[in-house]
N, C-alpha and C. Protein backbone atom coordinates (compact mmCIF):
# COMPACT_ATOMS: atom_id res chain seq x y z
N MET A 1 379.73 36.88 181.59
CA MET A 1 378.43 37.29 182.14
C MET A 1 377.34 37.20 181.07
N LYS A 2 376.22 36.62 181.44
CA LYS A 2 375.13 36.47 180.49
C LYS A 2 374.45 37.82 180.25
N LEU A 3 373.99 38.00 179.03
CA LEU A 3 373.29 39.23 178.69
C LEU A 3 371.85 39.18 179.19
N ASN A 4 371.36 40.29 179.67
CA ASN A 4 369.98 40.41 180.13
C ASN A 4 369.25 41.37 179.21
N ALA A 5 368.51 40.82 178.26
CA ALA A 5 367.84 41.65 177.26
C ALA A 5 366.78 42.55 177.89
N PHE A 6 366.27 42.15 179.06
CA PHE A 6 365.22 42.95 179.70
C PHE A 6 365.72 44.34 180.08
N ASN A 7 367.04 44.45 180.29
CA ASN A 7 367.59 45.75 180.67
C ASN A 7 367.61 46.74 179.52
N LYS A 8 367.44 46.24 178.29
CA LYS A 8 367.51 47.10 177.12
C LYS A 8 366.13 47.65 176.72
N HIS A 9 365.10 47.20 177.37
CA HIS A 9 363.75 47.59 176.99
C HIS A 9 362.99 48.08 178.21
N LYS A 10 361.99 48.90 177.98
CA LYS A 10 361.09 49.30 179.06
C LYS A 10 360.17 48.13 179.39
N GLY A 11 359.44 48.26 180.48
CA GLY A 11 358.56 47.19 180.92
C GLY A 11 357.39 46.97 179.98
N TRP A 12 356.77 45.81 180.12
CA TRP A 12 355.55 45.51 179.37
C TRP A 12 354.76 44.45 180.12
N ILE A 13 353.54 44.18 179.65
CA ILE A 13 352.64 43.22 180.28
C ILE A 13 352.28 42.13 179.28
N GLU A 14 352.44 40.88 179.70
CA GLU A 14 352.00 39.75 178.90
C GLU A 14 350.93 38.98 179.69
N ALA A 15 349.76 38.81 179.08
CA ALA A 15 348.66 38.09 179.72
C ALA A 15 348.49 36.73 179.07
N ILE A 16 348.30 35.71 179.90
CA ILE A 16 348.05 34.35 179.44
C ILE A 16 346.70 33.94 180.00
N CYS A 17 345.72 33.72 179.14
CA CYS A 17 344.37 33.44 179.63
C CYS A 17 343.74 32.27 178.89
N GLY A 18 342.60 31.82 179.39
CA GLY A 18 341.90 30.69 178.81
C GLY A 18 341.12 29.95 179.88
N PRO A 19 340.50 28.83 179.54
CA PRO A 19 339.69 28.07 180.50
C PRO A 19 340.54 27.14 181.36
N MET A 20 339.88 26.40 182.23
CA MET A 20 340.56 25.36 183.00
C MET A 20 341.18 24.35 182.04
N CYS A 21 342.30 23.78 182.44
CA CYS A 21 342.98 22.70 181.71
C CYS A 21 343.54 23.14 180.36
N ALA A 22 343.77 24.44 180.19
CA ALA A 22 344.33 24.94 178.93
C ALA A 22 345.85 25.05 178.97
N GLY A 23 346.44 24.88 180.15
CA GLY A 23 347.90 24.97 180.26
C GLY A 23 348.42 26.35 180.58
N LYS A 24 347.62 27.17 181.27
CA LYS A 24 348.04 28.55 181.58
C LYS A 24 349.22 28.56 182.54
N SER A 25 349.13 27.80 183.63
CA SER A 25 350.24 27.74 184.59
C SER A 25 351.46 27.12 183.95
N GLU A 26 351.25 26.11 183.13
CA GLU A 26 352.35 25.46 182.42
C GLU A 26 353.08 26.47 181.54
N GLU A 27 352.33 27.31 180.82
CA GLU A 27 352.94 28.31 179.95
C GLU A 27 353.66 29.38 180.77
N LEU A 28 353.06 29.78 181.89
CA LEU A 28 353.70 30.77 182.75
C LEU A 28 355.03 30.24 183.28
N LEU A 29 355.03 29.01 183.78
CA LEU A 29 356.26 28.43 184.32
C LEU A 29 357.29 28.18 183.22
N ARG A 30 356.82 27.87 182.02
CA ARG A 30 357.75 27.70 180.90
C ARG A 30 358.51 28.99 180.63
N ARG A 31 357.79 30.10 180.67
CA ARG A 31 358.44 31.39 180.41
C ARG A 31 359.41 31.74 181.53
N ILE A 32 359.00 31.45 182.76
CA ILE A 32 359.89 31.71 183.89
C ILE A 32 361.14 30.85 183.79
N ASN A 33 360.97 29.60 183.38
CA ASN A 33 362.09 28.67 183.29
C ASN A 33 363.18 29.17 182.35
N ARG A 34 362.81 29.97 181.36
CA ARG A 34 363.78 30.51 180.40
C ARG A 34 364.75 31.50 181.05
N PHE A 35 364.32 32.08 182.18
CA PHE A 35 365.14 33.11 182.83
C PHE A 35 366.50 32.58 183.28
N LYS A 36 366.58 31.25 183.50
CA LYS A 36 367.85 30.69 183.99
C LYS A 36 368.94 30.77 182.92
N TYR A 37 368.57 31.03 181.67
CA TYR A 37 369.55 31.14 180.60
C TYR A 37 370.11 32.56 180.47
N ALA A 38 369.62 33.45 181.32
CA ALA A 38 370.12 34.83 181.32
C ALA A 38 370.04 35.37 182.74
N ASP A 39 370.65 36.51 182.95
CA ASP A 39 370.64 37.09 184.30
C ASP A 39 369.35 37.86 184.51
N ILE A 40 368.24 37.13 184.56
CA ILE A 40 366.93 37.73 184.76
C ILE A 40 366.40 37.28 186.12
N SER A 41 366.16 38.23 187.00
CA SER A 41 365.63 37.93 188.32
C SER A 41 364.13 38.18 188.33
N TYR A 42 363.41 37.41 189.12
CA TYR A 42 361.94 37.52 189.10
C TYR A 42 361.35 37.19 190.46
N LEU A 43 360.09 37.57 190.61
CA LEU A 43 359.27 37.15 191.75
C LEU A 43 357.99 36.55 191.19
N LEU A 44 357.55 35.44 191.78
CA LEU A 44 356.31 34.78 191.38
C LEU A 44 355.30 34.89 192.51
N PHE A 45 354.11 35.38 192.18
CA PHE A 45 353.04 35.56 193.16
C PHE A 45 351.85 34.68 192.82
N LYS A 46 351.10 34.33 193.84
CA LYS A 46 349.83 33.61 193.65
C LYS A 46 348.87 34.01 194.76
N PRO A 47 347.56 34.01 194.50
CA PRO A 47 346.59 34.36 195.54
C PRO A 47 346.56 33.32 196.66
N LYS A 48 346.49 33.79 197.88
CA LYS A 48 346.38 32.89 199.03
C LYS A 48 345.09 32.08 198.96
N LEU A 49 344.08 32.64 198.28
CA LEU A 49 342.80 31.97 198.14
C LEU A 49 342.92 30.62 197.43
N ASP A 50 343.92 30.49 196.56
CA ASP A 50 344.14 29.24 195.84
C ASP A 50 344.91 28.28 196.75
N THR A 51 344.18 27.38 197.38
CA THR A 51 344.77 26.49 198.39
C THR A 51 345.20 25.15 197.79
N ARG A 52 345.16 25.01 196.48
CA ARG A 52 345.49 23.72 195.87
C ARG A 52 346.97 23.40 195.96
N SER A 53 347.81 24.42 196.03
CA SER A 53 349.26 24.19 196.19
C SER A 53 349.79 25.26 197.13
N LYS A 54 350.24 24.85 198.30
CA LYS A 54 350.68 25.78 199.32
C LYS A 54 352.07 26.32 199.00
N GLY A 55 352.18 27.64 198.84
CA GLY A 55 353.48 28.28 198.67
C GLY A 55 354.17 27.98 197.37
N SER A 56 353.42 27.52 196.36
CA SER A 56 354.05 27.22 195.08
C SER A 56 353.02 27.26 193.96
N VAL A 57 353.51 27.34 192.74
CA VAL A 57 352.68 27.20 191.55
C VAL A 57 353.04 25.88 190.90
N LYS A 58 352.03 25.06 190.65
CA LYS A 58 352.25 23.76 190.04
C LYS A 58 351.49 23.69 188.71
N SER A 59 352.12 23.10 187.71
CA SER A 59 351.46 22.90 186.43
C SER A 59 351.07 21.43 186.29
N ARG A 60 350.17 21.14 185.37
CA ARG A 60 349.71 19.77 185.20
C ARG A 60 350.78 18.85 184.61
N ASP A 61 351.84 19.44 184.05
CA ASP A 61 352.91 18.62 183.50
C ASP A 61 354.01 18.36 184.53
N GLY A 62 353.76 18.77 185.80
CA GLY A 62 354.66 18.42 186.89
C GLY A 62 355.65 19.49 187.31
N ARG A 63 355.66 20.64 186.66
CA ARG A 63 356.58 21.71 187.05
C ARG A 63 356.10 22.37 188.34
N VAL A 64 357.06 22.75 189.18
CA VAL A 64 356.74 23.41 190.45
C VAL A 64 357.75 24.52 190.69
N ILE A 65 357.27 25.72 191.01
CA ILE A 65 358.14 26.84 191.38
C ILE A 65 357.55 27.52 192.61
N ASN A 66 358.39 27.81 193.58
CA ASN A 66 357.93 28.48 194.80
C ASN A 66 357.32 29.84 194.47
N ALA A 67 356.29 30.20 195.23
CA ALA A 67 355.58 31.46 194.98
C ALA A 67 355.27 32.17 196.29
N ILE A 68 355.11 33.47 196.18
CA ILE A 68 354.73 34.30 197.33
C ILE A 68 353.21 34.44 197.32
N GLU A 69 352.58 34.10 198.43
CA GLU A 69 351.12 34.16 198.50
C GLU A 69 350.67 35.56 198.92
N ILE A 70 349.64 36.06 198.22
CA ILE A 70 349.13 37.41 198.48
C ILE A 70 347.62 37.38 198.58
N THR A 71 347.05 38.41 199.20
CA THR A 71 345.60 38.51 199.31
C THR A 71 345.02 39.61 198.44
N SER A 72 345.85 40.56 197.99
CA SER A 72 345.38 41.63 197.12
C SER A 72 346.49 42.03 196.16
N SER A 73 346.12 42.70 195.09
CA SER A 73 347.11 43.11 194.09
C SER A 73 348.11 44.12 194.67
N MET A 74 347.68 44.94 195.61
CA MET A 74 348.59 45.92 196.22
C MET A 74 349.67 45.26 197.05
N ASP A 75 349.46 44.01 197.45
CA ASP A 75 350.50 43.27 198.18
C ASP A 75 351.76 43.13 197.33
N ILE A 76 351.60 43.11 196.01
CA ILE A 76 352.77 43.02 195.12
C ILE A 76 353.62 44.28 195.25
N ILE A 77 352.97 45.43 195.22
CA ILE A 77 353.67 46.71 195.36
C ILE A 77 354.37 46.78 196.71
N ASN A 78 353.66 46.41 197.76
CA ASN A 78 354.23 46.48 199.11
C ASN A 78 355.41 45.52 199.26
N HIS A 79 355.30 44.35 198.64
CA HIS A 79 356.41 43.39 198.74
C HIS A 79 357.64 43.91 198.02
N LEU A 80 357.44 44.52 196.87
CA LEU A 80 358.56 45.08 196.12
C LEU A 80 359.24 46.21 196.89
N LYS A 81 358.46 46.98 197.61
CA LYS A 81 359.03 48.06 198.43
C LYS A 81 359.92 47.47 199.52
N SER A 82 359.46 46.39 200.14
CA SER A 82 360.25 45.77 201.20
C SER A 82 361.53 45.13 200.64
N GLU A 83 361.44 44.57 199.43
CA GLU A 83 362.62 43.99 198.78
C GLU A 83 363.64 45.09 198.44
N LYS A 84 363.13 46.23 197.98
CA LYS A 84 364.02 47.35 197.63
C LYS A 84 364.75 47.86 198.86
N GLU A 85 364.07 47.87 200.00
CA GLU A 85 364.69 48.31 201.25
C GLU A 85 365.84 47.38 201.64
N CYS A 86 365.76 46.12 201.16
CA CYS A 86 366.82 45.15 201.43
C CYS A 86 367.85 45.10 200.30
N ASP A 87 367.78 46.12 199.41
CA ASP A 87 368.70 46.23 198.27
C ASP A 87 368.60 45.04 197.31
N ARG A 88 367.39 44.48 197.18
CA ARG A 88 367.16 43.42 196.21
C ARG A 88 366.26 43.96 195.10
N THR A 89 366.69 43.77 193.87
CA THR A 89 365.91 44.26 192.73
C THR A 89 365.59 43.10 191.78
N TYR A 90 364.54 43.29 191.00
CA TYR A 90 364.05 42.23 190.11
C TYR A 90 363.70 42.81 188.74
N ASP A 91 363.75 41.94 187.74
CA ASP A 91 363.44 42.33 186.37
C ASP A 91 361.99 42.01 186.00
N ALA A 92 361.49 40.88 186.49
CA ALA A 92 360.18 40.40 186.06
C ALA A 92 359.29 40.05 187.26
N ILE A 93 357.99 40.22 187.05
CA ILE A 93 356.97 39.87 188.03
C ILE A 93 356.00 38.92 187.36
N ALA A 94 355.74 37.77 187.99
CA ALA A 94 354.80 36.79 187.44
C ALA A 94 353.67 36.55 188.44
N ILE A 95 352.46 36.42 187.93
CA ILE A 95 351.28 36.23 188.78
C ILE A 95 350.44 35.10 188.21
N ASP A 96 350.18 34.07 189.01
CA ASP A 96 349.35 32.95 188.55
C ASP A 96 347.99 33.00 189.22
N GLU A 97 346.98 32.38 188.59
CA GLU A 97 345.61 32.33 189.09
C GLU A 97 345.12 33.73 189.45
N ALA A 98 345.39 34.67 188.58
CA ALA A 98 345.13 36.08 188.86
C ALA A 98 343.64 36.41 188.96
N GLN A 99 342.78 35.52 188.50
CA GLN A 99 341.33 35.79 188.59
C GLN A 99 340.85 35.86 190.03
N PHE A 100 341.66 35.33 190.96
CA PHE A 100 341.29 35.35 192.37
C PHE A 100 341.68 36.65 193.08
N LEU A 101 342.30 37.57 192.35
CA LEU A 101 342.68 38.86 192.95
C LEU A 101 341.57 39.89 192.72
N ASP A 102 341.89 41.17 192.81
CA ASP A 102 340.88 42.22 192.74
C ASP A 102 340.99 43.01 191.45
N GLU A 103 340.02 43.90 191.24
CA GLU A 103 339.94 44.66 189.99
C GLU A 103 341.04 45.70 189.84
N ASP A 104 341.79 45.96 190.92
CA ASP A 104 342.91 46.89 190.84
C ASP A 104 344.13 46.26 190.16
N LEU A 105 344.05 44.97 189.86
CA LEU A 105 345.20 44.25 189.32
C LEU A 105 345.71 44.88 188.03
N GLY A 106 344.81 45.27 187.13
CA GLY A 106 345.22 45.87 185.88
C GLY A 106 346.03 47.13 186.08
N ALA A 107 345.55 48.01 186.97
CA ALA A 107 346.26 49.26 187.25
C ALA A 107 347.60 48.99 187.92
N VAL A 108 347.66 47.99 188.79
CA VAL A 108 348.91 47.63 189.46
C VAL A 108 349.92 47.13 188.43
N CYS A 109 349.48 46.26 187.53
CA CYS A 109 350.38 45.74 186.49
C CYS A 109 350.86 46.86 185.57
N ASP A 110 349.96 47.79 185.25
CA ASP A 110 350.33 48.93 184.40
C ASP A 110 351.39 49.78 185.08
N SER A 111 351.24 49.99 186.38
CA SER A 111 352.21 50.76 187.13
C SER A 111 353.56 50.06 187.16
N LEU A 112 353.54 48.74 187.34
CA LEU A 112 354.79 47.97 187.36
C LEU A 112 355.50 48.04 186.02
N ALA A 113 354.73 47.90 184.93
CA ALA A 113 355.33 47.97 183.59
C ALA A 113 355.93 49.34 183.34
N ASN A 114 355.24 50.38 183.80
CA ASN A 114 355.74 51.75 183.62
C ASN A 114 357.03 51.98 184.41
N LYS A 115 357.23 51.20 185.46
CA LYS A 115 358.46 51.31 186.25
C LYS A 115 359.58 50.45 185.68
N GLY A 116 359.29 49.72 184.59
CA GLY A 116 360.32 48.95 183.93
C GLY A 116 360.26 47.45 184.15
N TYR A 117 359.29 46.97 184.92
CA TYR A 117 359.17 45.53 185.13
C TYR A 117 358.50 44.87 183.93
N VAL A 118 358.91 43.65 183.64
CA VAL A 118 358.18 42.80 182.70
C VAL A 118 357.20 41.98 183.53
N VAL A 119 355.92 42.08 183.20
CA VAL A 119 354.87 41.49 184.03
C VAL A 119 354.16 40.38 183.26
N TYR A 120 354.12 39.19 183.85
CA TYR A 120 353.40 38.06 183.28
C TYR A 120 352.20 37.75 184.18
N VAL A 121 351.03 37.64 183.58
CA VAL A 121 349.81 37.38 184.35
C VAL A 121 349.07 36.20 183.71
N ALA A 122 348.74 35.19 184.50
CA ALA A 122 348.00 34.04 184.00
C ALA A 122 346.71 33.87 184.79
N GLY A 123 345.62 33.57 184.10
CA GLY A 123 344.36 33.36 184.80
C GLY A 123 343.20 33.09 183.86
N LEU A 124 342.08 32.74 184.45
CA LEU A 124 340.84 32.49 183.70
C LEU A 124 340.26 33.81 183.22
N ASP A 125 339.98 33.92 181.93
CA ASP A 125 339.37 35.15 181.43
C ASP A 125 337.85 35.14 181.58
N LEU A 126 337.24 33.94 181.64
CA LEU A 126 335.80 33.82 181.83
C LEU A 126 335.52 33.01 183.09
N ASP A 127 334.51 33.42 183.86
CA ASP A 127 334.12 32.65 185.05
C ASP A 127 333.23 31.48 184.63
N PHE A 128 332.73 30.73 185.61
CA PHE A 128 331.95 29.53 185.29
C PHE A 128 330.63 29.88 184.61
N ARG A 129 330.20 31.13 184.73
CA ARG A 129 328.96 31.58 184.07
C ARG A 129 329.19 31.94 182.61
N GLY A 130 330.46 31.94 182.19
CA GLY A 130 330.77 32.36 180.84
C GLY A 130 330.85 33.86 180.70
N GLU A 131 331.07 34.55 181.82
CA GLU A 131 331.16 36.01 181.84
C GLU A 131 332.58 36.43 182.24
N PRO A 132 333.02 37.62 181.84
CA PRO A 132 334.40 38.04 182.10
C PRO A 132 334.75 38.08 183.59
N PHE A 133 335.90 37.52 183.92
CA PHE A 133 336.46 37.68 185.25
C PHE A 133 337.05 39.09 185.31
N LYS A 134 336.53 39.93 186.17
CA LYS A 134 336.91 41.34 186.17
C LYS A 134 338.41 41.58 186.41
N PRO A 135 339.07 40.85 187.31
CA PRO A 135 340.52 41.10 187.47
C PRO A 135 341.30 40.85 186.18
N ILE A 136 340.96 39.78 185.45
CA ILE A 136 341.65 39.48 184.20
C ILE A 136 341.27 40.48 183.12
N SER A 137 340.00 40.87 183.09
CA SER A 137 339.57 41.88 182.11
C SER A 137 340.36 43.17 182.27
N SER A 138 340.62 43.54 183.52
CA SER A 138 341.38 44.77 183.77
C SER A 138 342.81 44.63 183.28
N VAL A 139 343.38 43.44 183.41
CA VAL A 139 344.76 43.20 182.93
C VAL A 139 344.78 43.24 181.40
N LEU A 140 343.80 42.60 180.77
CA LEU A 140 343.76 42.56 179.31
C LEU A 140 343.67 43.96 178.71
N SER A 141 343.05 44.88 179.43
CA SER A 141 342.92 46.25 178.94
C SER A 141 344.27 46.94 178.84
N TYR A 142 345.20 46.55 179.70
CA TYR A 142 346.53 47.17 179.73
C TYR A 142 347.60 46.34 179.04
N ALA A 143 347.32 45.08 178.74
CA ALA A 143 348.35 44.15 178.26
C ALA A 143 348.92 44.55 176.91
N ASP A 144 350.22 44.36 176.75
CA ASP A 144 350.89 44.58 175.48
C ASP A 144 350.82 43.34 174.60
N ILE A 145 350.84 42.17 175.24
CA ILE A 145 350.79 40.90 174.53
C ILE A 145 349.77 40.00 175.23
N VAL A 146 348.88 39.39 174.45
CA VAL A 146 347.87 38.48 175.00
C VAL A 146 347.99 37.12 174.33
N THR A 147 348.13 36.08 175.13
CA THR A 147 348.13 34.71 174.64
C THR A 147 346.87 34.03 175.17
N LYS A 148 345.95 33.70 174.27
CA LYS A 148 344.71 33.06 174.70
C LYS A 148 344.77 31.58 174.33
N LEU A 149 344.79 30.73 175.34
CA LEU A 149 344.90 29.30 175.16
C LEU A 149 343.52 28.64 175.17
N THR A 150 343.42 27.49 174.53
CA THR A 150 342.19 26.71 174.58
C THR A 150 342.50 25.33 175.14
N ALA A 151 341.46 24.68 175.67
CA ALA A 151 341.57 23.30 176.14
C ALA A 151 340.78 22.41 175.17
N ILE A 152 340.48 21.21 175.60
CA ILE A 152 339.69 20.28 174.81
C ILE A 152 338.34 20.07 175.50
N CYS A 153 337.27 20.26 174.77
CA CYS A 153 335.94 20.07 175.34
C CYS A 153 335.76 18.61 175.76
N THR A 154 335.35 18.41 176.99
CA THR A 154 335.19 17.05 177.51
C THR A 154 333.98 16.34 176.91
N ILE A 155 333.12 17.08 176.23
CA ILE A 155 331.93 16.48 175.63
C ILE A 155 332.18 16.06 174.18
N CYS A 156 332.76 16.96 173.37
CA CYS A 156 332.87 16.68 171.94
C CYS A 156 334.29 16.69 171.40
N GLY A 157 335.25 17.12 172.19
CA GLY A 157 336.64 17.12 171.74
C GLY A 157 337.05 18.35 170.94
N ALA A 158 336.14 19.31 170.77
CA ALA A 158 336.47 20.55 170.06
C ALA A 158 337.30 21.46 170.96
N ASP A 159 337.85 22.54 170.38
CA ASP A 159 338.57 23.52 171.20
C ASP A 159 337.61 24.10 172.23
N ALA A 160 338.06 24.16 173.46
CA ALA A 160 337.22 24.66 174.55
C ALA A 160 337.76 25.99 175.05
N ASN A 161 336.88 26.97 175.21
CA ASN A 161 337.29 28.27 175.74
C ASN A 161 336.46 28.68 176.95
N ARG A 162 335.72 27.73 177.50
CA ARG A 162 334.89 28.00 178.66
C ARG A 162 335.11 26.96 179.75
N THR A 163 334.74 27.33 180.98
CA THR A 163 334.92 26.44 182.12
C THR A 163 333.56 26.06 182.68
N GLN A 164 333.29 24.78 182.72
CA GLN A 164 332.01 24.26 183.23
C GLN A 164 332.17 23.85 184.69
N ARG A 165 331.37 24.46 185.58
CA ARG A 165 331.39 24.01 186.96
C ARG A 165 330.37 22.91 187.14
N LEU A 166 330.78 21.87 187.87
CA LEU A 166 329.90 20.74 188.15
C LEU A 166 329.68 20.61 189.65
N ILE A 167 328.44 20.34 190.03
CA ILE A 167 328.09 20.09 191.42
C ILE A 167 327.42 18.72 191.48
N ASN A 168 328.09 17.78 192.10
CA ASN A 168 327.61 16.40 192.12
C ASN A 168 327.35 15.88 190.72
N GLY A 169 328.23 16.26 189.80
CA GLY A 169 328.13 15.77 188.44
C GLY A 169 327.16 16.51 187.55
N LYS A 170 326.48 17.52 188.09
CA LYS A 170 325.50 18.28 187.32
C LYS A 170 325.95 19.72 187.14
N SER A 171 325.47 20.37 186.09
CA SER A 171 325.85 21.75 185.80
C SER A 171 325.43 22.69 186.91
N ALA A 172 326.31 23.64 187.23
CA ALA A 172 326.02 24.61 188.28
C ALA A 172 324.93 25.58 187.82
N LYS A 173 324.30 26.22 188.79
CA LYS A 173 323.28 27.22 188.51
C LYS A 173 323.92 28.61 188.46
N TYR A 174 323.30 29.50 187.73
CA TYR A 174 323.85 30.85 187.54
C TYR A 174 324.05 31.57 188.87
N ASP A 175 323.15 31.38 189.83
CA ASP A 175 323.24 32.12 191.09
C ASP A 175 324.08 31.40 192.14
N ASP A 176 324.78 30.33 191.76
CA ASP A 176 325.72 29.70 192.69
C ASP A 176 326.89 30.65 192.94
N PRO A 177 327.62 30.49 194.05
CA PRO A 177 328.74 31.39 194.37
C PRO A 177 329.72 31.50 193.22
N LEU A 178 330.22 32.71 192.99
CA LEU A 178 331.12 32.95 191.86
C LEU A 178 332.46 32.25 192.05
N ILE A 179 333.02 32.34 193.26
CA ILE A 179 334.34 31.78 193.52
C ILE A 179 334.23 30.50 194.34
N VAL A 180 334.61 29.40 193.73
CA VAL A 180 334.73 28.12 194.42
C VAL A 180 336.02 27.48 193.92
N VAL A 181 337.01 27.37 194.81
CA VAL A 181 338.31 26.81 194.42
C VAL A 181 338.17 25.31 194.22
N GLY A 182 338.61 24.83 193.08
CA GLY A 182 338.53 23.41 192.79
C GLY A 182 339.38 23.06 191.59
N ASP A 183 339.41 21.77 191.27
CA ASP A 183 340.19 21.32 190.13
C ASP A 183 339.28 20.50 189.23
N THR A 184 339.81 19.46 188.62
CA THR A 184 339.02 18.68 187.68
C THR A 184 337.88 17.92 188.35
N ASP A 185 337.88 17.88 189.69
CA ASP A 185 336.76 17.27 190.40
C ASP A 185 335.52 18.14 190.34
N ALA A 186 335.70 19.45 190.12
CA ALA A 186 334.58 20.38 190.13
C ALA A 186 334.43 21.16 188.82
N TYR A 187 335.41 21.06 187.94
CA TYR A 187 335.37 21.86 186.71
C TYR A 187 335.79 21.03 185.50
N GLU A 188 335.21 21.37 184.36
CA GLU A 188 335.59 20.79 183.08
C GLU A 188 335.74 21.89 182.05
N ALA A 189 336.56 21.62 181.05
CA ALA A 189 336.65 22.54 179.92
C ALA A 189 335.54 22.20 178.93
N ARG A 190 334.88 23.23 178.41
CA ARG A 190 333.79 23.02 177.45
C ARG A 190 333.90 24.02 176.30
N CYS A 191 333.37 23.62 175.15
CA CYS A 191 333.25 24.55 174.04
C CYS A 191 331.98 25.38 174.24
N ARG A 192 331.78 26.36 173.40
CA ARG A 192 330.60 27.22 173.50
C ARG A 192 329.30 26.40 173.44
N ALA A 193 329.26 25.43 172.52
CA ALA A 193 328.03 24.66 172.30
C ALA A 193 327.66 23.79 173.50
N HIS A 194 328.65 23.36 174.29
CA HIS A 194 328.36 22.43 175.39
C HIS A 194 328.54 23.06 176.78
N HIS A 195 328.74 24.37 176.80
CA HIS A 195 328.81 25.06 178.09
C HIS A 195 327.39 25.35 178.56
N GLU A 196 327.05 24.89 179.75
CA GLU A 196 325.68 24.99 180.24
C GLU A 196 325.63 25.64 181.63
N ILE A 197 324.82 26.68 181.77
CA ILE A 197 324.60 27.33 183.06
C ILE A 197 323.09 27.41 183.29
N ILE A 198 322.62 26.71 184.28
CA ILE A 198 321.19 26.68 184.57
C ILE A 198 320.74 28.01 185.15
N GLY A 199 319.71 28.59 184.56
CA GLY A 199 319.14 29.83 185.08
C GLY A 199 319.74 31.09 184.52
N LYS A 200 320.68 30.99 183.56
CA LYS A 200 321.27 32.18 182.96
C LYS A 200 320.29 32.79 181.95
N LYS A 201 320.02 34.07 182.09
CA LYS A 201 319.08 34.75 181.22
C LYS A 201 319.73 35.04 179.87
N LYS A 202 318.98 34.86 178.82
CA LYS A 202 319.46 35.13 177.48
C LYS A 202 319.21 36.60 177.13
N VAL A 203 320.27 37.27 176.66
CA VAL A 203 320.14 38.68 176.28
C VAL A 203 319.34 38.80 174.99
N ILE A 204 319.60 37.90 174.04
CA ILE A 204 318.87 37.87 172.78
C ILE A 204 318.06 36.59 172.71
N LYS A 205 316.76 36.72 172.55
CA LYS A 205 315.87 35.55 172.52
C LYS A 205 315.53 35.20 171.09
C-alpha cells in the first residue's frame, strides 16, 4: 500500500496566481497528477462561468482532467457534504479559474483547510484593469503557500504579471465590463510598462 503523506499533516492552502498565459492551470494539473503516485484522493472544481472547456480543466500543454462545475464557493461545501453522505472521502480540493467565483472563497478555503483538506487554488490575481481580483485576494489572505507565476510580455518579451484585454485589437477601457470570458483572442500578457487601460485614473500624478 502506498503511503499518503497528507494523512500525517493538517490541512493547508496553496495558491497559484499570475496573469493569462502564465501556466496556472498547467501547474495546478501538474500537482494533481502527482497524486497518482500515492493514495491521495481529490476533487477538482471549476466555475460554470468558464465555458472554454465543458466539464474539465485544460492546460495549454494539452493536459485535461475532469472537473465539477460550480456557481459559488459554497457549492464546494455542499458537494462535499453529499459525498460524505455516500461514504466517499477526499484528501485534497483543487479549484481552477477561481477569479470567477465570489469573495467568500477565501473563508471557504480556510474552513476546508481547518477540516484537514489540502486546498489548491489557481486564478488571476489581477483583473484586466490591473486591480486585485477580490476572490483571489481573499484566498491569498488565508494561503499558507503562494506561487506567483509570470508570463512573457507580448510587446517586449519581459516578464509579464498583468493581463491586457483587447477589443477589436485595441486596449479595453476602464469602464468596460469586469468579467468577459475569453482566451488569447481577447487577452494578452503584458508587463507593467506595456499594460494599458484607457480611462484609468492615476492615484499619483
